[in-house]
Amino acid sequence: MPPAILFGLVLATLYGSGFHLVFGRRLWQWPIFWIAAVIGFFGGYAAGELLGLDVLRLGVLPLAACSVGSALVLAVAWFFSTPTLGQPRSISDEEP
């Protein structure tokens, strides 16, 4: 495995785990946040390469673009995986 991919996976794992540590409410959200961080990281890499963004480049990885991509996808994952406060969990939780 190329070192850039391995380093990218390590950083994405740190991003996903740190995001879950701060914003996660349930244990089942951790794999969602990890997958979101990996997808966002490498999506940010692709966008950074296509747009020619060279901010904070470490080797072949444009860290700024990768980090922004990871943060955006993590925010979307958080929005769709966090239960809404004040809403009943299921129909059986509602009072008659």
C-alpha atoms as a PDB file:
ATOM      1  CA  MET A   1       0.000   0.000   0.000  1.00  0.00           C
ATOM      2  CA  PRO A   2       1.430   3.420  -0.914  1.00  0.00           C
ATOM      3  CA  PRO A   3       2.450   5.540   2.075  1.00  0.00           C
ATOM      4  CA  ALA A   4       0.167   8.421   1.034  1.00  0.00           C
ATOM      5  CA  ILE A   5      -2.915   6.197   1.158  1.00  0.00           C
ATOM      6  CA  LEU A   6      -1.890   4.733   4.506  1.00  0.00           C
ATOM      7  CA  PHE A   7      -1.231   8.202   5.943  1.00  0.00           C
ATOM      8  CA  GLY A   8      -4.565   9.387   4.541  1.00  0.00           C
ATOM      9  CA  LEU A   9      -6.380   6.498   6.225  1.00  0.00           C
ATOM     10  CA  VAL A  10      -4.658   7.261   9.522  1.00  0.00           C
ATOM     11  CA  LEU A  11      -5.628  10.944   9.341  1.00  0.00           C
ATOM     12  CA  ALA A  12      -9.195  10.113   8.303  1.00  0.00           C
ATOM     13  CA  THR A  13      -9.451   7.688  11.217  1.00  0.00           C
ATOM     14  CA  LEU A  14      -8.254  10.407  13.578  1.00  0.00           C
ATOM     15  CA  TYR A  15     -10.771  12.862  12.110  1.00  0.00           C
ATOM     16  CA  GLY A  16     -13.670  10.398  12.377  1.00  0.00           C
ATOM     17  CA  SER A  17     -12.775   9.260  15.878  1.00  0.00           C
ATOM     18  CA  GLY A  18     -12.215  12.809  17.130  1.00  0.00           C
ATOM     19  CA  PHE A  19     -15.500  13.919  15.611  1.00  0.00           C
ATOM     20  CA  HIS A  20     -17.277  11.044  17.352  1.00  0.00           C
ATOM     21  CA  LEU A  21     -15.570  11.899  20.623  1.00  0.00           C
ATOM     22  CA  VAL A  22     -16.873  15.467  20.454  1.00  0.00           C
ATOM     23  CA  PHE A  23     -20.229  15.120  18.668  1.00  0.00           C
ATOM     24  CA  GLY A  24     -21.179  11.430  18.842  1.00  0.00           C
ATOM     25  CA  ARG A  25     -24.030  10.351  21.040  1.00  0.00           C
ATOM     26  CA  ARG A  26     -24.294   6.652  20.287  1.00  0.00           C
ATOM     27  CA  LEU A  27     -21.690   3.941  19.686  1.00  0.00           C
ATOM     28  CA  TRP A  28     -23.261   2.945  16.354  1.00  0.00           C
ATOM     29  CA  GLN A  29     -22.393   6.405  14.999  1.00  0.00           C
ATOM     30  CA  TRP A  30     -18.635   5.765  15.145  1.00  0.00           C
ATOM     31  CA  PRO A  31     -18.457   3.542  12.024  1.00  0.00           C
ATOM     32  CA  ILE A  32     -20.639   6.036  10.161  1.00  0.00           C
ATOM     33  CA  PHE A  33     -18.320   8.884  11.122  1.00  0.00           C
ATOM     34  CA  TRP A  34     -15.246   6.852  10.204  1.00  0.00           C
ATOM     35  CA  ILE A  35     -16.605   5.978   6.755  1.00  0.00           C
ATOM     36  CA  ALA A  36     -17.702   9.588   6.253  1.00  0.00           C
ATOM     37  CA  ALA A  37     -14.248  10.853   7.207  1.00  0.00           C
ATOM     38  CA  VAL A  38     -12.531   8.461   4.794  1.00  0.00           C
ATOM     39  CA  ILE A  39     -14.891   9.326   1.920  1.00  0.00           C
ATOM     40  CA  GLY A  40     -14.576  13.044   2.627  1.00  0.00           C
ATOM     41  CA  PHE A  41     -10.794  12.875   2.970  1.00  0.00           C
ATOM     42  CA  PHE A  42     -10.217  11.193  -0.359  1.00  0.00           C
ATOM     43  CA  GLY A  43     -12.988  13.220  -1.988  1.00  0.00           C
ATOM     44  CA  GLY A  44     -11.216  16.335  -0.764  1.00  0.00           C
ATOM     45  CA  TYR A  45      -7.998  14.945  -2.178  1.00  0.00           C
ATOM     46  CA  ALA A  46      -9.628  14.500  -5.597  1.00  0.00           C
ATOM     47  CA  ALA A  47     -11.129  17.996  -5.465  1.00  0.00           C
ATOM     48  CA  GLY A  48      -7.809  19.492  -4.385  1.00  0.00           C
ATOM     49  CA  GLU A  49      -5.985  17.819  -7.236  1.00  0.00           C
ATOM     50  CA  LEU A  50      -8.608  18.826  -9.798  1.00  0.00           C
ATOM     51  CA  LEU A  51      -8.704  22.435  -8.617  1.00  0.00           C
ATOM     52  CA  GLY A  52      -4.958  22.692  -8.112  1.00  0.00           C
ATOM     53  CA  LEU A  53      -5.113  23.594  -4.416  1.00  0.00           C
ATOM     54  CA  ASP A  54      -1.645  23.346  -2.909  1.00  0.00           C
ATOM     55  CA  VAL A  55      -2.370  24.724   0.554  1.00  0.00           C
ATOM     56  CA  LEU A  56      -0.616  22.714   3.287  1.00  0.00           C
ATOM     57  CA  ARG A  57       0.668  20.046   0.922  1.00  0.00           C
ATOM     58  CA  LEU A  58       2.411  17.155   2.665  1.00  0.00           C
ATOM     59  CA  GLY A  59       3.993  14.942   0.046  1.00  0.00           C
ATOM     60  CA  VAL A  60       1.229  14.276  -2.446  1.00  0.00           C
ATOM     61  CA  LEU A  61      -1.629  15.066  -0.051  1.00  0.00           C
ATOM     62  CA  PRO A  62      -3.158  18.561  -0.074  1.00  0.00           C
ATOM     63  CA  LEU A  63      -4.024  18.502   3.632  1.00  0.00           C
ATOM     64  CA  ALA A  64      -6.249  21.596   3.584  1.00  0.00           C
ATOM     65  CA  ALA A  65      -8.490  20.228   0.826  1.00  0.00           C
ATOM     66  CA  CYS A  66      -8.546  16.760   2.413  1.00  0.00           C
ATOM     67  CA  SER A  67      -9.449  18.177   5.823  1.00  0.00           C
ATOM     68  CA  VAL A  68     -12.188  20.426   4.457  1.00  0.00           C
ATOM     69  CA  GLY A  69     -13.655  17.533   2.460  1.00  0.00           C
ATOM     70  CA  SER A  70     -13.621  15.333   5.528  1.00  0.00           C
ATOM     71  CA  ALA A  71     -15.251  18.032   7.671  1.00  0.00           C
ATOM     72  CA  LEU A  72     -18.030  18.613   5.149  1.00  0.00           C
ATOM     73  CA  VAL A  73     -18.925  14.944   4.812  1.00  0.00           C
ATOM     74  CA  LEU A  74     -18.712  14.487   8.606  1.00  0.00           C
ATOM     75  CA  ALA A  75     -21.161  17.367   9.079  1.00  0.00           C
ATOM     76  CA  VAL A  76     -23.599  15.730   6.654  1.00  0.00           C
ATOM     77  CA  ALA A  77     -23.192  12.366   8.424  1.00  0.00           C
ATOM     78  CA  TRP A  78     -23.818  14.011  11.787  1.00  0.00           C
ATOM     79  CA  PHE A  79     -26.941  15.749  10.479  1.00  0.00           C
ATOM     80  CA  PHE A  80     -28.467  12.499   9.232  1.00  0.00           C
ATOM     81  CA  SER A  81     -27.361  10.254  12.124  1.00  0.00           C
ATOM     82  CA  THR A  82     -28.225  12.422  15.130  1.00  0.00           C
ATOM     83  CA  PRO A  83     -31.687  11.798  16.574  1.00  0.00           C
ATOM     84  CA  THR A  84     -33.916  14.839  16.682  1.00  0.00           C
ATOM     85  CA  LEU A  85     -34.584  16.104  20.189  1.00  0.00           C
ATOM     86  CA  GLY A  86     -38.207  16.190  21.248  1.00  0.00           C
ATOM     87  CA  GLN A  87     -39.342  13.645  18.668  1.00  0.00           C
ATOM     88  CA  PRO A  88     -40.670  10.272  19.827  1.00  0.00           C
ATOM     89  CA  ARG A  89     -38.420   7.337  19.048  1.00  0.00           C
ATOM     90  CA  SER A  90     -41.193   5.182  17.698  1.00  0.00           C
ATOM     91  CA  ILE A  91     -44.938   5.058  17.477  1.00  0.00           C
ATOM     92  CA  SER A  92     -45.156   3.025  20.687  1.00  0.00           C
ATOM     93  CA  ASP A  93     -43.428   5.860  22.628  1.00  0.00           C
ATOM     94  CA  GLU A  94     -46.250   8.316  21.948  1.00  0.00           C
ATOM     95  CA  GLU A  95     -48.827   8.862  24.640  1.00  0.00           C
ATOM     96  CA  PRO A  96     -52.454   8.137  23.719  1.00  0.00           C
END
